[in-house]
Amino acid sequence: MVHLRRNIGMLTSREWHGLDLRLCRTHAVEGALYYFLLSALWGWWGVISLFVNYIALAADLAALAVGLFQRRPQGEALVSGSFRQWYKDQRSAAMLARYVESKRLGMTR
């Protein structure tokens, strides 16, 4: 199980995202590096985020260590592609599901 955390700091607010996933070694390392780089680049831009970002970076380094110490994959991959593409597909599916649900409830124009 890999626990990925990302903190995006804005001047007056911040966004905190987290994923708890079962990933193979390749995708765990790729996901941890992706989240670490996003937090390292965009996590510092706020008063609270200046301090909270250390937690996100530590969690991503721990996820990277978990990924690096997993066994190497054996045989064919069950999922092909990159972590970033999978993440974008999951976000798109979640946004579509929220849109369909809001249409069903009559909440959109």
Protein backbone atom coordinates (compact mmCIF):
# COMPACT_ATOMS: atom_id res chain seq x y z
CA MET A 1 0.00 0.00 0.00
CA VAL A 2 1.39 3.37 -1.01
CA HIS A 3 0.25 6.60 0.67
CA LEU A 4 0.75 9.62 -1.57
CA ARG A 5 0.19 13.16 -0.31
CA ARG A 6 0.29 16.45 -2.17
CA ASN A 7 0.04 19.97 -0.80
CA ILE A 8 -0.57 22.91 -3.15
CA GLY A 9 -0.16 26.24 -1.40
CA MET A 10 -1.90 29.42 -2.46
CA LEU A 11 -1.46 32.76 -0.76
CA THR A 12 -4.72 32.62 1.19
CA SER A 13 -5.70 28.94 0.97
CA ARG A 14 -4.28 25.53 0.18
CA GLU A 15 -5.28 22.20 -1.33
CA TRP A 16 -4.41 18.87 0.24
CA HIS A 17 -4.78 15.73 -1.84
CA GLY A 18 -4.10 12.18 -0.79
CA LEU A 19 -4.19 8.74 -2.40
CA ASP A 20 -3.91 5.36 -0.72
CA LEU A 21 -3.30 2.80 -3.46
CA ARG A 22 -1.90 -0.62 -4.15
CA LEU A 23 0.65 -0.03 -6.87
CA CYS A 24 3.40 -2.05 -8.47
CA ARG A 25 6.99 -0.97 -7.94
CA THR A 26 7.20 1.03 -11.17
CA HIS A 27 3.99 2.98 -10.64
CA ALA A 28 4.65 3.50 -6.91
CA VAL A 29 8.03 5.10 -7.62
CA GLU A 30 6.63 7.17 -10.49
CA GLY A 31 3.64 8.33 -8.43
CA ALA A 32 5.75 9.20 -5.39
CA LEU A 33 8.18 11.22 -7.51
CA TYR A 34 5.29 12.98 -9.28
CA TYR A 35 3.61 13.96 -6.00
CA PHE A 36 6.95 14.89 -4.40
CA LEU A 37 7.88 17.20 -7.27
CA LEU A 38 4.46 18.87 -7.26
CA SER A 39 4.63 19.47 -3.52
CA ALA A 40 8.24 20.64 -3.70
CA LEU A 41 7.42 23.10 -6.46
CA TRP A 42 3.95 24.37 -5.53
CA GLY A 43 3.60 23.52 -1.84
CA TRP A 44 5.35 26.49 -0.26
CA TRP A 45 3.18 29.38 -1.48
CA GLY A 46 1.13 30.18 1.61
CA VAL A 47 1.47 30.92 5.30
CA ILE A 48 0.07 27.58 6.51
CA SER A 49 1.43 25.65 3.54
CA LEU A 50 4.95 26.75 4.39
CA PHE A 51 4.77 24.45 7.42
CA VAL A 52 2.32 21.77 6.24
CA ASN A 53 4.33 21.05 3.11
CA TYR A 54 7.01 19.32 5.18
CA ILE A 55 4.44 16.64 6.06
CA ALA A 56 3.55 16.09 2.41
CA LEU A 57 7.21 15.87 1.40
CA ALA A 58 7.98 13.40 4.19
CA ALA A 59 4.98 11.24 3.22
CA ASP A 60 6.07 11.21 -0.41
CA LEU A 61 9.63 10.28 0.51
CA ALA A 62 8.24 7.43 2.63
CA ALA A 63 6.09 6.30 -0.32
CA LEU A 64 9.16 6.44 -2.55
CA ALA A 65 11.06 4.23 -0.09
CA VAL A 66 8.15 1.76 -0.01
CA GLY A 67 8.12 1.67 -3.80
CA LEU A 68 11.87 1.21 -4.08
CA PHE A 69 11.92 -1.69 -1.62
CA GLN A 70 9.11 -3.61 -3.31
CA ARG A 71 10.00 -6.68 -5.32
CA ARG A 72 10.56 -6.19 -9.01
CA PRO A 73 7.53 -7.12 -11.15
CA GLN A 74 7.37 -10.66 -12.50
CA GLY A 75 5.68 -11.46 -15.79
CA GLU A 76 3.42 -9.12 -17.73
CA ALA A 77 2.08 -5.90 -16.33
CA LEU A 78 -1.61 -5.85 -15.45
CA VAL A 79 -1.84 -2.15 -16.20
CA SER A 80 0.11 -0.44 -18.92
CA GLY A 81 0.92 3.25 -19.20
CA SER A 82 2.18 5.77 -16.72
CA PHE A 83 0.93 6.83 -13.31
CA ARG A 84 0.25 10.35 -14.59
CA GLN A 85 -2.02 9.06 -17.36
CA TRP A 86 -3.86 6.79 -14.93
CA TYR A 87 -4.28 9.71 -12.51
CA LYS A 88 -5.67 11.97 -15.25
CA ASP A 89 -8.10 9.23 -16.32
CA GLN A 90 -9.27 8.76 -12.73
CA ARG A 91 -9.76 12.51 -12.25
CA SER A 92 -11.69 12.74 -15.52
CA ALA A 93 -13.91 9.82 -14.52
CA ALA A 94 -14.59 11.36 -11.10
CA MET A 95 -15.43 14.75 -12.65
CA LEU A 96 -17.76 13.09 -15.16
CA ALA A 97 -19.48 11.14 -12.38
CA ARG A 98 -20.01 14.35 -10.36
CA TYR A 99 -21.39 16.12 -13.44
CA VAL A 100 -23.80 13.27 -14.23
CA GLU A 101 -24.95 13.17 -10.61
CA SER A 102 -25.53 16.94 -10.53
CA LYS A 103 -27.50 16.72 -13.80
CA ARG A 104 -29.59 13.91 -12.32
CA LEU A 105 -30.35 16.03 -9.26
CA GLY A 106 -31.06 19.09 -11.42
CA MET A 107 -28.26 21.16 -9.91
CA THR A 108 -26.75 22.52 -13.13
CA ARG A 109 -28.02 25.17 -15.51
